[in-house]
């Protein structure tokens, strides 16, 4: 019995059957390569914790715990591991040109009592040899960065994408990975969003078109089988 998908309480049957293969496509097994890498997107305080205007603790911290489990397994298996955040300096002041054309307006200032938000949470602190990709204010970990080159150098054919937010930077990174002809897997417990409708709809949409949305358990089983082969 396949693990339930996170959108099952939301997506109507008519939308499922509008895809040519319908429900059969939802229940399919993971189809991926044999040389995976892990890309953890923007698991920073600014997105994880509700103390920050862009954060959402209710879903962010559970995603941290799920990512910690996946990250521990990836490290034990010797996978290439990458993280993304905005800038090397967490105190960086973004210029209008760097910020670009985002439609969000007038976010309230962050309290001076809080530490910088553009910092990967302690539970997922990168270890030596694990690369942080600095993507500035753009959603995708690939846009204007050397991530694709690093994955190619590492001989990767499959990218496991996790992080925040599902409908934003995770989706942008996952689609760019797809467009670079990598297999892509999103373990849904390891991704999170401020909007649960956006989270579920985007996972459904990506699963039906571009990649495999799987449970953390299914992803760990895939990794175990792949590295044991």
C-alpha atoms as a PDB file:
ATOM      1  CA  UNK A   1       0.000   0.000   0.000  1.00  0.00           C
ATOM      2  CA  UNK A   2       1.601   3.302  -1.081  1.00  0.00           C
ATOM      3  CA  UNK A   3       1.998   5.966   1.584  1.00  0.00           C
ATOM      4  CA  UNK A   4      -0.768   8.605   1.519  1.00  0.00           C
ATOM      5  CA  UNK A   5      -0.018  11.855  -0.253  1.00  0.00           C
ATOM      6  CA  UNK A   6      -0.377  15.163   1.578  1.00  0.00           C
ATOM      7  CA  UNK A   7      -2.974  16.539  -0.843  1.00  0.00           C
ATOM      8  CA  UNK A   8      -5.514  13.705  -0.536  1.00  0.00           C
ATOM      9  CA  UNK A   9      -7.845  15.812   1.636  1.00  0.00           C
ATOM     10  CA  UNK A  10      -7.800  18.710  -0.823  1.00  0.00           C
ATOM     11  CA  UNK A  11      -7.521  17.768  -4.499  1.00  0.00           C
ATOM     12  CA  UNK A  12     -10.893  16.742  -5.973  1.00  0.00           C
ATOM     13  CA  UNK A  13     -11.213  13.501  -7.885  1.00  0.00           C
ATOM     14  CA  UNK A  14     -12.061  15.354 -11.089  1.00  0.00           C
ATOM     15  CA  UNK A  15      -8.701  17.144 -10.925  1.00  0.00           C
ATOM     16  CA  UNK A  16      -6.882  13.865 -10.417  1.00  0.00           C
ATOM     17  CA  UNK A  17      -8.654  12.213 -13.331  1.00  0.00           C
ATOM     18  CA  UNK A  18      -8.017  15.225 -15.565  1.00  0.00           C
ATOM     19  CA  UNK A  19      -4.492  13.901 -15.906  1.00  0.00           C
ATOM     20  CA  UNK A  20      -4.338  11.129 -18.487  1.00  0.00           C
ATOM     21  CA  UNK A  21      -3.168   8.448 -16.067  1.00  0.00           C
ATOM     22  CA  UNK A  22      -5.148   9.791 -13.117  1.00  0.00           C
ATOM     23  CA  UNK A  23      -4.807   8.022  -9.811  1.00  0.00           C
ATOM     24  CA  UNK A  24      -2.356   5.496 -11.218  1.00  0.00           C
ATOM     25  CA  UNK A  25       0.192   8.265 -11.641  1.00  0.00           C
ATOM     26  CA  UNK A  26      -0.191   9.303  -8.010  1.00  0.00           C
ATOM     27  CA  UNK A  27       0.521   5.818  -6.676  1.00  0.00           C
ATOM     28  CA  UNK A  28       3.580   5.205  -8.819  1.00  0.00           C
ATOM     29  CA  UNK A  29       6.881   4.193  -7.176  1.00  0.00           C
ATOM     30  CA  UNK A  30       9.878   6.515  -7.099  1.00  0.00           C
ATOM     31  CA  UNK A  31      11.677   6.526 -10.428  1.00  0.00           C
ATOM     32  CA  UNK A  32      15.123   8.011 -10.015  1.00  0.00           C
ATOM     33  CA  UNK A  33      18.776   7.463 -10.676  1.00  0.00           C
ATOM     34  CA  UNK A  34      21.520   5.841  -8.655  1.00  0.00           C
ATOM     35  CA  UNK A  35      23.673   8.855  -7.746  1.00  0.00           C
ATOM     36  CA  UNK A  36      21.594  11.159  -5.540  1.00  0.00           C
ATOM     37  CA  UNK A  37      22.450  14.420  -3.843  1.00  0.00           C
ATOM     38  CA  UNK A  38      20.572  16.361  -1.182  1.00  0.00           C
ATOM     39  CA  UNK A  39      19.714  20.043  -1.635  1.00  0.00           C
ATOM     40  CA  UNK A  40      18.223  21.702   1.466  1.00  0.00           C
ATOM     41  CA  UNK A  41      16.608  25.003   0.491  1.00  0.00           C
ATOM     42  CA  UNK A  42      16.444  28.012   2.817  1.00  0.00           C
ATOM     43  CA  UNK A  43      16.032  26.232   6.136  1.00  0.00           C
ATOM     44  CA  UNK A  44      16.927  29.451   7.871  1.00  0.00           C
ATOM     45  CA  UNK A  45      15.501  31.124  10.942  1.00  0.00           C
ATOM     46  CA  UNK A  46      13.804  33.696   8.728  1.00  0.00           C
ATOM     47  CA  UNK A  47      11.617  31.007   7.139  1.00  0.00           C
ATOM     48  CA  UNK A  48      11.364  28.455   9.933  1.00  0.00           C
ATOM     49  CA  UNK A  49      10.482  30.611  12.926  1.00  0.00           C
ATOM     50  CA  UNK A  50       7.371  32.774  13.279  1.00  0.00           C
ATOM     51  CA  UNK A  51       9.344  35.394  15.200  1.00  0.00           C
ATOM     52  CA  UNK A  52      10.393  36.583  11.716  1.00  0.00           C
ATOM     53  CA  UNK A  53       7.893  38.133   9.259  1.00  0.00           C
ATOM     54  CA  UNK A  54       8.536  35.415   6.667  1.00  0.00           C
ATOM     55  CA  UNK A  55       8.629  32.527   9.147  1.00  0.00           C
ATOM     56  CA  UNK A  56       6.042  29.911  10.067  1.00  0.00           C
ATOM     57  CA  UNK A  57       6.911  27.856  13.151  1.00  0.00           C
ATOM     58  CA  UNK A  58       3.856  25.596  12.917  1.00  0.00           C
ATOM     59  CA  UNK A  59       5.199  23.896   9.813  1.00  0.00           C
ATOM     60  CA  UNK A  60       8.809  25.096   9.847  1.00  0.00           C
ATOM     61  CA  UNK A  61      10.042  23.331  12.951  1.00  0.00           C
ATOM     62  CA  UNK A  62       8.482  19.947  12.068  1.00  0.00           C
ATOM     63  CA  UNK A  63      10.211  20.270   8.690  1.00  0.00           C
ATOM     64  CA  UNK A  64      13.489  20.915  10.513  1.00  0.00           C
ATOM     65  CA  UNK A  65      13.067  17.654  12.438  1.00  0.00           C
ATOM     66  CA  UNK A  66      12.283  15.713   9.254  1.00  0.00           C
ATOM     67  CA  UNK A  67      15.248  17.275   7.465  1.00  0.00           C
ATOM     68  CA  UNK A  68      17.523  16.382  10.369  1.00  0.00           C
ATOM     69  CA  UNK A  69      16.557  12.719   9.959  1.00  0.00           C
ATOM     70  CA  UNK A  70      17.157  12.825   6.208  1.00  0.00           C
ATOM     71  CA  UNK A  71      20.389  14.779   6.579  1.00  0.00           C
ATOM     72  CA  UNK A  72      21.764  12.270   9.086  1.00  0.00           C
ATOM     73  CA  UNK A  73      21.046   9.427   6.679  1.00  0.00           C
ATOM     74  CA  UNK A  74      22.559  11.319   3.738  1.00  0.00           C
ATOM     75  CA  UNK A  75      25.727  11.955   5.727  1.00  0.00           C
ATOM     76  CA  UNK A  76      26.039   8.324   6.732  1.00  0.00           C
ATOM     77  CA  UNK A  77      25.651   7.321   3.083  1.00  0.00           C
ATOM     78  CA  UNK A  78      28.226   9.844   1.886  1.00  0.00           C
ATOM     79  CA  UNK A  79      25.869  11.783  -0.411  1.00  0.00           C
ATOM     80  CA  UNK A  80      26.847  15.174  -1.815  1.00  0.00           C
ATOM     81  CA  UNK A  81      25.012  17.715   0.348  1.00  0.00           C
ATOM     82  CA  UNK A  82      24.147  21.307  -0.503  1.00  0.00           C
ATOM     83  CA  UNK A  83      22.293  24.055   1.352  1.00  0.00           C
ATOM     84  CA  UNK A  84      20.935  27.359   0.143  1.00  0.00           C
ATOM     85  CA  UNK A  85      20.530  30.701   1.856  1.00  0.00           C
ATOM     86  CA  UNK A  86      20.522  34.286   0.638  1.00  0.00           C
ATOM     87  CA  UNK A  87      23.894  35.908   1.377  1.00  0.00           C
ATOM     88  CA  UNK A  88      27.246  34.999   2.950  1.00  0.00           C
ATOM     89  CA  UNK A  89      26.853  37.842   5.452  1.00  0.00           C
ATOM     90  CA  UNK A  90      23.671  37.409   7.519  1.00  0.00           C
ATOM     91  CA  UNK A  91      23.704  41.168   8.185  1.00  0.00           C
ATOM     92  CA  UNK A  92      23.701  41.974   4.465  1.00  0.00           C
ATOM     93  CA  UNK A  93      21.429  44.913   3.585  1.00  0.00           C
ATOM     94  CA  UNK A  94      19.655  44.139   0.323  1.00  0.00           C
ATOM     95  CA  UNK A  95      19.647  46.846  -2.337  1.00  0.00           C
ATOM     96  CA  UNK A  96      16.569  47.418  -4.535  1.00  0.00           C
ATOM     97  CA  UNK A  97      18.378  45.877  -7.512  1.00  0.00           C
ATOM     98  CA  UNK A  98      19.241  42.773  -5.505  1.00  0.00           C
ATOM     99  CA  UNK A  99      15.698  42.440  -4.199  1.00  0.00           C
ATOM    100  CA  UNK A 100      14.262  42.610  -7.692  1.00  0.00           C
ATOM    101  CA  UNK A 101      10.580  42.470  -8.563  1.00  0.00           C
ATOM    102  CA  UNK A 102       9.066  40.602  -5.626  1.00  0.00           C
ATOM    103  CA  UNK A 103       5.393  41.478  -5.163  1.00  0.00           C
ATOM    104  CA  UNK A 104       5.440  41.287  -1.378  1.00  0.00           C
ATOM    105  CA  UNK A 105       5.356  44.786   0.027  1.00  0.00           C
ATOM    106  CA  UNK A 106       6.294  46.451   3.283  1.00  0.00           C
ATOM    107  CA  UNK A 107       7.286  43.539   5.512  1.00  0.00           C
ATOM    108  CA  UNK A 108       7.506  44.710   9.129  1.00  0.00           C
ATOM    109  CA  UNK A 109      11.032  45.184  10.448  1.00  0.00           C
ATOM    110  CA  UNK A 110      12.661  42.363  12.372  1.00  0.00           C
ATOM    111  CA  UNK A 111      13.038  43.003  16.088  1.00  0.00           C
ATOM    112  CA  UNK A 112      16.525  44.094  17.065  1.00  0.00           C
ATOM    113  CA  UNK A 113      16.357  41.507  19.851  1.00  0.00           C
ATOM    114  CA  UNK A 114      16.381  38.665  17.323  1.00  0.00           C
ATOM    115  CA  UNK A 115      19.505  37.147  15.761  1.00  0.00           C
ATOM    116  CA  UNK A 116      19.935  37.519  11.993  1.00  0.00           C
ATOM    117  CA  UNK A 117      17.334  35.479  10.122  1.00  0.00           C
ATOM    118  CA  UNK A 118      19.401  34.465   7.094  1.00  0.00           C
ATOM    119  CA  UNK A 119      21.162  31.737   9.069  1.00  0.00           C
ATOM    120  CA  UNK A 120      20.618  27.992   8.690  1.00  0.00           C
ATOM    121  CA  UNK A 121      19.029  26.580  11.840  1.00  0.00           C
ATOM    122  CA  UNK A 122      21.389  24.929  14.321  1.00  0.00           C
ATOM    123  CA  UNK A 123      19.823  21.490  13.867  1.00  0.00           C
ATOM    124  CA  UNK A 124      20.930  21.497  10.210  1.00  0.00           C
ATOM    125  CA  UNK A 125      24.289  23.275  10.484  1.00  0.00           C
ATOM    126  CA  UNK A 126      26.435  22.363   7.463  1.00  0.00           C
ATOM    127  CA  UNK A 127      29.512  20.277   8.158  1.00  0.00           C
ATOM    128  CA  UNK A 128      32.917  20.684   6.486  1.00  0.00           C
ATOM    129  CA  UNK A 129      32.699  19.613   2.868  1.00  0.00           C
ATOM    130  CA  UNK A 130      29.005  20.485   2.572  1.00  0.00           C
ATOM    131  CA  UNK A 131      28.459  23.470   0.303  1.00  0.00           C
ATOM    132  CA  UNK A 132      26.250  26.483   0.937  1.00  0.00           C
ATOM    133  CA  UNK A 133      24.841  28.023  -2.232  1.00  0.00           C
ATOM    134  CA  UNK A 134      24.228  31.756  -1.850  1.00  0.00           C
ATOM    135  CA  UNK A 135      21.326  32.605  -4.156  1.00  0.00           C
ATOM    136  CA  UNK A 136      20.573  36.139  -3.104  1.00  0.00           C
ATOM    137  CA  UNK A 137      16.927  37.183  -3.325  1.00  0.00           C
ATOM    138  CA  UNK A 138      15.974  34.818  -6.146  1.00  0.00           C
ATOM    139  CA  UNK A 139      13.882  31.688  -5.485  1.00  0.00           C
ATOM    140  CA  UNK A 140      15.870  29.004  -7.292  1.00  0.00           C
ATOM    141  CA  UNK A 141      19.086  27.552  -5.933  1.00  0.00           C
ATOM    142  CA  UNK A 142      20.213  27.241  -9.556  1.00  0.00           C
ATOM    143  CA  UNK A 143      19.622  30.788 -10.807  1.00  0.00           C
ATOM    144  CA  UNK A 144      22.931  32.614 -11.115  1.00  0.00           C
ATOM    145  CA  UNK A 145      24.755  30.039  -8.964  1.00  0.00           C
ATOM    146  CA  UNK A 146      27.207  27.186  -9.637  1.00  0.00           C
ATOM    147  CA  UNK A 147      24.874  24.514  -8.206  1.00  0.00           C
ATOM    148  CA  UNK A 148      24.343  22.690 -11.516  1.00  0.00           C
ATOM    149  CA  UNK A 149      28.082  22.637 -12.111  1.00  0.00           C
ATOM    150  CA  UNK A 150      28.737  21.250  -8.630  1.00  0.00           C
ATOM    151  CA  UNK A 151      26.125  18.519  -9.128  1.00  0.00           C
ATOM    152  CA  UNK A 152      27.649  17.586 -12.484  1.00  0.00           C
ATOM    153  CA  UNK A 153      31.138  17.463 -10.962  1.00  0.00           C
ATOM    154  CA  UNK A 154      29.797  15.145  -8.256  1.00  0.00           C
ATOM    155  CA  UNK A 155      28.357  12.765 -10.855  1.00  0.00           C
ATOM    156  CA  UNK A 156      24.814  13.319  -9.606  1.00  0.00           C
ATOM    157  CA  UNK A 157      21.759  12.151 -11.554  1.00  0.00           C
ATOM    158  CA  UNK A 158      19.097  12.639  -8.869  1.00  0.00           C
ATOM    159  CA  UNK A 159      18.391  15.617  -6.635  1.00  0.00           C
ATOM    160  CA  UNK A 160      16.414  15.331  -3.411  1.00  0.00           C
ATOM    161  CA  UNK A 161      15.008  18.807  -2.777  1.00  0.00           C
ATOM    162  CA  UNK A 162      13.718  19.859   0.637  1.00  0.00           C
ATOM    163  CA  UNK A 163      13.152  23.055   2.593  1.00  0.00           C
ATOM    164  CA  UNK A 164      11.033  26.205   2.537  1.00  0.00           C
ATOM    165  CA  UNK A 165       8.846  27.275   1.054  1.00  0.00           C
ATOM    166  CA  UNK A 166       7.160  24.568  -0.996  1.00  0.00           C
ATOM    167  CA  UNK A 167       5.364  26.982  -3.308  1.00  0.00           C
ATOM    168  CA  UNK A 168       8.331  29.323  -3.632  1.00  0.00           C
ATOM    169  CA  UNK A 169      12.006  28.472  -3.401  1.00  0.00           C
ATOM    170  CA  UNK A 170      11.530  24.702  -3.155  1.00  0.00           C
ATOM    171  CA  UNK A 171       9.372  24.637  -6.259  1.00  0.00           C
ATOM    172  CA  UNK A 172      11.726  26.945  -8.186  1.00  0.00           C
ATOM    173  CA  UNK A 173      14.753  24.844  -7.271  1.00  0.00           C
ATOM    174  CA  UNK A 174      13.006  21.552  -8.027  1.00  0.00           C
ATOM    175  CA  UNK A 175      11.818  22.739 -11.441  1.00  0.00           C
ATOM    176  CA  UNK A 176      15.271  24.022 -12.346  1.00  0.00           C
ATOM    177  CA  UNK A 177      16.708  20.647 -11.329  1.00  0.00           C
ATOM    178  CA  UNK A 178      14.159  18.997 -13.626  1.00  0.00           C
ATOM    179  CA  UNK A 179      15.098  21.409 -16.430  1.00  0.00           C
ATOM    180  CA  UNK A 180      18.747  20.407 -15.987  1.00  0.00           C
ATOM    181  CA  UNK A 181      17.616  16.792 -16.582  1.00  0.00           C
ATOM    182  CA  UNK A 182      18.089  15.566 -13.042  1.00  0.00           C
ATOM    183  CA  UNK A 183      15.604  13.176 -11.507  1.00  0.00           C
ATOM    184  CA  UNK A 184      13.937  15.005  -8.617  1.00  0.00           C
ATOM    185  CA  UNK A 185      12.403  13.748  -5.356  1.00  0.00           C
ATOM    186  CA  UNK A 186      10.658  15.855  -2.715  1.00  0.00           C
ATOM    187  CA  UNK A 187      10.063  14.078   0.606  1.00  0.00           C
ATOM    188  CA  UNK A 188       6.949  15.975   1.606  1.00  0.00           C
ATOM    189  CA  UNK A 189       7.558  16.020   5.370  1.00  0.00           C
ATOM    190  CA  UNK A 190      10.844  17.799   4.646  1.00  0.00           C
ATOM    191  CA  UNK A 191       9.179  20.694   2.806  1.00  0.00           C
ATOM    192  CA  UNK A 192       6.956  23.348   4.364  1.00  0.00           C
ATOM    193  CA  UNK A 193       5.020  26.494   3.557  1.00  0.00           C
ATOM    194  CA  UNK A 194       3.128  29.278   5.280  1.00  0.00           C
ATOM    195  CA  UNK A 195       0.040  28.396   3.209  1.00  0.00           C
ATOM    196  CA  UNK A 196      -1.106  24.799   3.490  1.00  0.00           C
ATOM    197  CA  UNK A 197      -3.264  25.063   0.379  1.00  0.00           C
ATOM    198  CA  UNK A 198      -0.218  26.274  -1.569  1.00  0.00           C
ATOM    199  CA  UNK A 199       1.887  23.493  -0.036  1.00  0.00           C
ATOM    200  CA  UNK A 200      -0.522  20.740  -1.049  1.00  0.00           C
ATOM    201  CA  UNK A 201      -1.486  22.072  -4.460  1.00  0.00           C
ATOM    202  CA  UNK A 202       2.123  22.648  -5.475  1.00  0.00           C
ATOM    203  CA  UNK A 203       3.175  19.178  -4.340  1.00  0.00           C
ATOM    204  CA  UNK A 204       0.300  17.646  -6.319  1.00  0.00           C
ATOM    205  CA  UNK A 205       1.091  19.700  -9.410  1.00  0.00           C
ATOM    206  CA  UNK A 206       4.799  18.883  -9.351  1.00  0.00           C
ATOM    207  CA  UNK A 207       4.174  15.187  -8.694  1.00  0.00           C
ATOM    208  CA  UNK A 208       1.862  14.912 -11.698  1.00  0.00           C
ATOM    209  CA  UNK A 209       4.285  16.639 -14.061  1.00  0.00           C
ATOM    210  CA  UNK A 210       7.925  16.822 -13.060  1.00  0.00           C
ATOM    211  CA  UNK A 211       9.078  14.749 -10.102  1.00  0.00           C
ATOM    212  CA  UNK A 212       8.266  12.278  -7.357  1.00  0.00           C
ATOM    213  CA  UNK A 213       6.661  13.486  -4.150  1.00  0.00           C
ATOM    214  CA  UNK A 214       7.328  10.730  -1.628  1.00  0.00           C
ATOM    215  CA  UNK A 215       7.214  10.274   2.115  1.00  0.00           C
ATOM    216  CA  UNK A 216      10.380  10.581   4.168  1.00  0.00           C
ATOM    217  CA  UNK A 217      10.180   6.842   4.822  1.00  0.00           C
ATOM    218  CA  UNK A 218       9.963   6.078   1.103  1.00  0.00           C
ATOM    219  CA  UNK A 219      12.873   8.413   0.382  1.00  0.00           C
ATOM    220  CA  UNK A 220      15.042   6.773   3.035  1.00  0.00           C
ATOM    221  CA  UNK A 221      14.184   3.355   1.596  1.00  0.00           C
ATOM    222  CA  UNK A 222      15.181   4.571  -1.870  1.00  0.00           C
ATOM    223  CA  UNK A 223      18.490   5.865  -0.523  1.00  0.00           C
ATOM    224  CA  UNK A 224      19.170   2.647   1.358  1.00  0.00           C
ATOM    225  CA  UNK A 225      18.486   0.514  -1.714  1.00  0.00           C
ATOM    226  CA  UNK A 226      20.513   2.832  -3.960  1.00  0.00           C
ATOM    227  CA  UNK A 227      23.604   3.008  -1.782  1.00  0.00           C
ATOM    228  CA  UNK A 228      23.484  -0.737  -1.085  1.00  0.00           C
ATOM    229  CA  UNK A 229      23.420  -1.596  -4.798  1.00  0.00           C
END
